[in-house]
């Protein structure tokens, strides 16, 4: 059954965890949201050596590879916190990069979906060109990244509206 809301399918580009978009979080500078995610994965399991290596990684692919080497990793434990970790990283990514924030907010209320044929957890398990990609009931994956980005979009929109309301209040007080 097709969605009433439009669907924005992505795999690479602005909304990707691998998109080059520097941000600072927790006192460290990250080049990609993937780097933040893998850094926090290593931190969660107390793997300080891998944390250091991730901070010095040269690509998001290297970050992902290092993330697969985290010592004492327990998938079920990571699954409990990973969406919040990705949310925190993407709040920083989009709030610290104005052009990226504008692109995210420009999606309106569309459903965001990572059209990765290889990822059934963070993506929909389908390419954007697959006819089933426009029908969430036919997705093969859970689309965690899309869900996180929609939460980020809502939070950034709320912050923007709060800031606008504050400016309006200050203007009213001056009259």
C-alpha atoms as a PDB file:
ATOM      1  CA  UNK A   1       0.000   0.000   0.000  1.00  0.00           C
ATOM      2  CA  UNK A   2       1.483   3.335  -1.084  1.00  0.00           C
ATOM      3  CA  UNK A   3       2.143   6.135   1.389  1.00  0.00           C
ATOM      4  CA  UNK A   4       0.030   9.309   1.443  1.00  0.00           C
ATOM      5  CA  UNK A   5       3.160  11.285   2.278  1.00  0.00           C
ATOM      6  CA  UNK A   6       5.882  11.649  -0.340  1.00  0.00           C
ATOM      7  CA  UNK A   7       8.955   9.477   0.117  1.00  0.00           C
ATOM      8  CA  UNK A   8      12.471  10.848  -0.274  1.00  0.00           C
ATOM      9  CA  UNK A   9      14.789   7.975  -1.111  1.00  0.00           C
ATOM     10  CA  UNK A  10      18.511   8.423  -0.598  1.00  0.00           C
ATOM     11  CA  UNK A  11      21.583   6.258  -0.412  1.00  0.00           C
ATOM     12  CA  UNK A  12      24.505   8.579  -0.870  1.00  0.00           C
ATOM     13  CA  UNK A  13      24.610  12.344  -0.562  1.00  0.00           C
ATOM     14  CA  UNK A  14      23.607  14.761   2.165  1.00  0.00           C
ATOM     15  CA  UNK A  15      21.554  12.356   4.255  1.00  0.00           C
ATOM     16  CA  UNK A  16      24.109   9.554   4.182  1.00  0.00           C
ATOM     17  CA  UNK A  17      26.182   8.705   7.245  1.00  0.00           C
ATOM     18  CA  UNK A  18      29.171   8.793   4.879  1.00  0.00           C
ATOM     19  CA  UNK A  19      28.588  12.356   3.632  1.00  0.00           C
ATOM     20  CA  UNK A  20      31.570  14.632   4.304  1.00  0.00           C
ATOM     21  CA  UNK A  21      30.199  17.072   6.875  1.00  0.00           C
ATOM     22  CA  UNK A  22      32.453  18.142   9.718  1.00  0.00           C
ATOM     23  CA  UNK A  23      30.942  18.721  13.136  1.00  0.00           C
ATOM     24  CA  UNK A  24      32.189  18.903  16.699  1.00  0.00           C
ATOM     25  CA  UNK A  25      30.687  16.794  19.444  1.00  0.00           C
ATOM     26  CA  UNK A  26      31.982  15.725  22.837  1.00  0.00           C
ATOM     27  CA  UNK A  27      35.100  17.826  22.343  1.00  0.00           C
ATOM     28  CA  UNK A  28      36.130  16.008  19.154  1.00  0.00           C
ATOM     29  CA  UNK A  29      35.849  16.931  15.491  1.00  0.00           C
ATOM     30  CA  UNK A  30      34.195  14.357  13.239  1.00  0.00           C
ATOM     31  CA  UNK A  31      34.305  14.311   9.432  1.00  0.00           C
ATOM     32  CA  UNK A  32      31.330  12.019   8.892  1.00  0.00           C
ATOM     33  CA  UNK A  33      28.341  10.931  10.966  1.00  0.00           C
ATOM     34  CA  UNK A  34      29.619   7.371  10.411  1.00  0.00           C
ATOM     35  CA  UNK A  35      32.807   8.297  12.275  1.00  0.00           C
ATOM     36  CA  UNK A  36      30.773   9.514  15.262  1.00  0.00           C
ATOM     37  CA  UNK A  37      28.648   6.361  15.206  1.00  0.00           C
ATOM     38  CA  UNK A  38      31.625   3.996  15.142  1.00  0.00           C
ATOM     39  CA  UNK A  39      33.489   6.059  17.755  1.00  0.00           C
ATOM     40  CA  UNK A  40      30.502   5.744  20.100  1.00  0.00           C
ATOM     41  CA  UNK A  41      30.225   2.031  19.317  1.00  0.00           C
ATOM     42  CA  UNK A  42      33.831   1.516  20.410  1.00  0.00           C
ATOM     43  CA  UNK A  43      33.246   3.709  23.470  1.00  0.00           C
ATOM     44  CA  UNK A  44      30.118   1.743  24.455  1.00  0.00           C
ATOM     45  CA  UNK A  45      32.178  -1.441  24.663  1.00  0.00           C
ATOM     46  CA  UNK A  46      35.229   0.152  26.293  1.00  0.00           C
ATOM     47  CA  UNK A  47      37.528  -0.279  23.286  1.00  0.00           C
ATOM     48  CA  UNK A  48      39.697   2.835  23.695  1.00  0.00           C
ATOM     49  CA  UNK A  49      42.279   1.718  21.138  1.00  0.00           C
ATOM     50  CA  UNK A  50      39.652   1.420  18.404  1.00  0.00           C
ATOM     51  CA  UNK A  51      38.175   4.762  19.477  1.00  0.00           C
ATOM     52  CA  UNK A  52      41.548   6.409  18.802  1.00  0.00           C
ATOM     53  CA  UNK A  53      41.922   4.658  15.462  1.00  0.00           C
ATOM     54  CA  UNK A  54      38.442   5.777  14.393  1.00  0.00           C
ATOM     55  CA  UNK A  55      39.274   9.405  15.228  1.00  0.00           C
ATOM     56  CA  UNK A  56      42.253   9.178  12.853  1.00  0.00           C
ATOM     57  CA  UNK A  57      40.455   7.284  10.078  1.00  0.00           C
ATOM     58  CA  UNK A  58      40.865   8.602   6.536  1.00  0.00           C
ATOM     59  CA  UNK A  59      37.432   7.603   5.225  1.00  0.00           C
ATOM     60  CA  UNK A  60      33.965   6.580   6.395  1.00  0.00           C
ATOM     61  CA  UNK A  61      34.653   3.133   4.946  1.00  0.00           C
ATOM     62  CA  UNK A  62      37.669   2.808   7.246  1.00  0.00           C
ATOM     63  CA  UNK A  63      35.496   3.920  10.188  1.00  0.00           C
ATOM     64  CA  UNK A  64      32.962   1.207   9.373  1.00  0.00           C
ATOM     65  CA  UNK A  65      35.709  -1.420   9.092  1.00  0.00           C
ATOM     66  CA  UNK A  66      37.128  -0.359  12.456  1.00  0.00           C
ATOM     67  CA  UNK A  67      33.632  -0.472  13.933  1.00  0.00           C
ATOM     68  CA  UNK A  68      33.417  -4.123  12.923  1.00  0.00           C
ATOM     69  CA  UNK A  69      36.565  -4.806  14.963  1.00  0.00           C
ATOM     70  CA  UNK A  70      35.269  -3.413  18.280  1.00  0.00           C
ATOM     71  CA  UNK A  71      36.297  -5.748  21.096  1.00  0.00           C
ATOM     72  CA  UNK A  72      33.613  -7.299  23.318  1.00  0.00           C
ATOM     73  CA  UNK A  73      30.867  -6.082  20.956  1.00  0.00           C
ATOM     74  CA  UNK A  74      27.365  -7.331  21.766  1.00  0.00           C
ATOM     75  CA  UNK A  75      24.898  -6.661  18.955  1.00  0.00           C
ATOM     76  CA  UNK A  76      21.785  -6.643  21.158  1.00  0.00           C
ATOM     77  CA  UNK A  77      23.370  -4.074  23.491  1.00  0.00           C
ATOM     78  CA  UNK A  78      24.394  -1.841  20.577  1.00  0.00           C
ATOM     79  CA  UNK A  79      20.913  -2.097  19.046  1.00  0.00           C
ATOM     80  CA  UNK A  80      19.452  -0.651  22.274  1.00  0.00           C
ATOM     81  CA  UNK A  81      21.465   2.585  21.974  1.00  0.00           C
ATOM     82  CA  UNK A  82      22.567   2.923  18.357  1.00  0.00           C
ATOM     83  CA  UNK A  83      19.582   4.935  17.116  1.00  0.00           C
ATOM     84  CA  UNK A  84      20.057   7.487  19.898  1.00  0.00           C
ATOM     85  CA  UNK A  85      23.777   7.670  19.066  1.00  0.00           C
ATOM     86  CA  UNK A  86      23.006   8.269  15.384  1.00  0.00           C
ATOM     87  CA  UNK A  87      20.371  10.842  16.359  1.00  0.00           C
ATOM     88  CA  UNK A  88      22.877  12.770  18.490  1.00  0.00           C
ATOM     89  CA  UNK A  89      25.471  12.721  15.703  1.00  0.00           C
ATOM     90  CA  UNK A  90      22.983  13.870  13.091  1.00  0.00           C
ATOM     91  CA  UNK A  91      21.650  16.664  15.302  1.00  0.00           C
ATOM     92  CA  UNK A  92      25.243  17.945  15.410  1.00  0.00           C
ATOM     93  CA  UNK A  93      25.831  17.319  11.692  1.00  0.00           C
ATOM     94  CA  UNK A  94      22.744  19.201  10.541  1.00  0.00           C
ATOM     95  CA  UNK A  95      22.692  21.956  13.178  1.00  0.00           C
ATOM     96  CA  UNK A  96      26.363  22.838  12.609  1.00  0.00           C
ATOM     97  CA  UNK A  97      26.101  22.833   8.791  1.00  0.00           C
ATOM     98  CA  UNK A  98      23.510  25.402   7.690  1.00  0.00           C
ATOM     99  CA  UNK A  99      23.290  24.267   4.047  1.00  0.00           C
ATOM    100  CA  UNK A 100      22.697  20.657   5.120  1.00  0.00           C
ATOM    101  CA  UNK A 101      20.088  21.761   7.649  1.00  0.00           C
ATOM    102  CA  UNK A 102      18.217  23.658   4.916  1.00  0.00           C
ATOM    103  CA  UNK A 103      18.229  20.547   2.718  1.00  0.00           C
ATOM    104  CA  UNK A 104      16.856  18.397   5.521  1.00  0.00           C
ATOM    105  CA  UNK A 105      14.142  20.899   6.445  1.00  0.00           C
ATOM    106  CA  UNK A 106      13.233  21.276   2.751  1.00  0.00           C
ATOM    107  CA  UNK A 107      12.011  17.666   2.773  1.00  0.00           C
ATOM    108  CA  UNK A 108       8.942  18.931   4.637  1.00  0.00           C
ATOM    109  CA  UNK A 109       6.997  16.018   6.061  1.00  0.00           C
ATOM    110  CA  UNK A 110       8.191  13.469   3.526  1.00  0.00           C
ATOM    111  CA  UNK A 111       9.163  10.012   4.673  1.00  0.00           C
ATOM    112  CA  UNK A 112      12.952   9.722   4.488  1.00  0.00           C
ATOM    113  CA  UNK A 113      14.257   6.313   3.484  1.00  0.00           C
ATOM    114  CA  UNK A 114      17.771   5.022   2.967  1.00  0.00           C
ATOM    115  CA  UNK A 115      17.537   3.095  -0.309  1.00  0.00           C
ATOM    116  CA  UNK A 116      20.423   0.764   0.415  1.00  0.00           C
ATOM    117  CA  UNK A 117      19.998  -2.689  -1.083  1.00  0.00           C
ATOM    118  CA  UNK A 118      22.659  -4.009   1.317  1.00  0.00           C
ATOM    119  CA  UNK A 119      21.333  -2.711   4.627  1.00  0.00           C
ATOM    120  CA  UNK A 120      18.119  -4.090   6.064  1.00  0.00           C
ATOM    121  CA  UNK A 121      18.557  -2.510   9.482  1.00  0.00           C
ATOM    122  CA  UNK A 122      19.449   1.115   8.737  1.00  0.00           C
ATOM    123  CA  UNK A 123      18.001   1.084   5.216  1.00  0.00           C
ATOM    124  CA  UNK A 124      15.031  -0.346   3.340  1.00  0.00           C
ATOM    125  CA  UNK A 125      16.936  -3.191   1.693  1.00  0.00           C
ATOM    126  CA  UNK A 126      16.019  -1.916  -1.788  1.00  0.00           C
ATOM    127  CA  UNK A 127      17.467   0.411  -4.404  1.00  0.00           C
ATOM    128  CA  UNK A 128      15.572   3.634  -5.149  1.00  0.00           C
ATOM    129  CA  UNK A 129      14.931   2.287  -8.658  1.00  0.00           C
ATOM    130  CA  UNK A 130      13.073  -0.754  -7.300  1.00  0.00           C
ATOM    131  CA  UNK A 131       9.292  -0.295  -7.818  1.00  0.00           C
ATOM    132  CA  UNK A 132       8.705  -1.470  -4.217  1.00  0.00           C
ATOM    133  CA  UNK A 133      10.826   1.382  -2.816  1.00  0.00           C
ATOM    134  CA  UNK A 134       7.803   3.732  -2.946  1.00  0.00           C
ATOM    135  CA  UNK A 135       5.718   1.336  -0.838  1.00  0.00           C
ATOM    136  CA  UNK A 136       6.860   1.049   2.812  1.00  0.00           C
ATOM    137  CA  UNK A 137       4.813  -2.133   3.277  1.00  0.00           C
ATOM    138  CA  UNK A 138       7.103  -3.807   0.719  1.00  0.00           C
ATOM    139  CA  UNK A 139      10.397  -2.649   2.180  1.00  0.00           C
ATOM    140  CA  UNK A 140      12.779  -5.431   3.127  1.00  0.00           C
ATOM    141  CA  UNK A 141      14.462  -3.356   5.839  1.00  0.00           C
ATOM    142  CA  UNK A 142      13.506  -1.358   8.924  1.00  0.00           C
ATOM    143  CA  UNK A 143      14.839   2.051   7.736  1.00  0.00           C
ATOM    144  CA  UNK A 144      16.338   3.078  11.073  1.00  0.00           C
ATOM    145  CA  UNK A 145      18.399   5.847   9.448  1.00  0.00           C
ATOM    146  CA  UNK A 146      15.343   7.345   7.788  1.00  0.00           C
ATOM    147  CA  UNK A 147      13.462   7.253  11.103  1.00  0.00           C
ATOM    148  CA  UNK A 148      16.360   8.931  12.908  1.00  0.00           C
ATOM    149  CA  UNK A 149      16.622  11.652  10.260  1.00  0.00           C
ATOM    150  CA  UNK A 150      12.899  12.365  10.531  1.00  0.00           C
ATOM    151  CA  UNK A 151      13.351  12.795  14.316  1.00  0.00           C
ATOM    152  CA  UNK A 152      16.299  15.120  13.643  1.00  0.00           C
ATOM    153  CA  UNK A 153      14.220  17.114  11.158  1.00  0.00           C
ATOM    154  CA  UNK A 154      11.396  17.502  13.686  1.00  0.00           C
ATOM    155  CA  UNK A 155      13.805  18.620  16.412  1.00  0.00           C
ATOM    156  CA  UNK A 156      15.542  21.152  14.158  1.00  0.00           C
ATOM    157  CA  UNK A 157      12.185  22.507  12.976  1.00  0.00           C
ATOM    158  CA  UNK A 158      11.040  22.853  16.609  1.00  0.00           C
ATOM    159  CA  UNK A 159      14.248  24.681  17.518  1.00  0.00           C
ATOM    160  CA  UNK A 160      13.808  27.000  14.553  1.00  0.00           C
ATOM    161  CA  UNK A 161      10.213  27.769  15.525  1.00  0.00           C
ATOM    162  CA  UNK A 162      11.218  28.386  19.159  1.00  0.00           C
ATOM    163  CA  UNK A 163      13.942  30.798  18.050  1.00  0.00           C
ATOM    164  CA  UNK A 164      11.475  32.605  15.783  1.00  0.00           C
ATOM    165  CA  UNK A 165       8.970  32.874  18.646  1.00  0.00           C
ATOM    166  CA  UNK A 166      11.669  34.308  20.928  1.00  0.00           C
ATOM    167  CA  UNK A 167      12.612  36.916  18.313  1.00  0.00           C
ATOM    168  CA  UNK A 168       8.940  37.790  17.912  1.00  0.00           C
ATOM    169  CA  UNK A 169       8.527  38.221  21.703  1.00  0.00           C
ATOM    170  CA  UNK A 170      11.554  40.536  21.841  1.00  0.00           C
ATOM    171  CA  UNK A 171      10.162  42.606  18.970  1.00  0.00           C
ATOM    172  CA  UNK A 172       6.765  42.849  20.723  1.00  0.00           C
ATOM    173  CA  UNK A 173       8.409  44.052  23.965  1.00  0.00           C
ATOM    174  CA  UNK A 174      10.126  46.894  22.122  1.00  0.00           C
ATOM    175  CA  UNK A 175       6.828  48.300  20.803  1.00  0.00           C
END
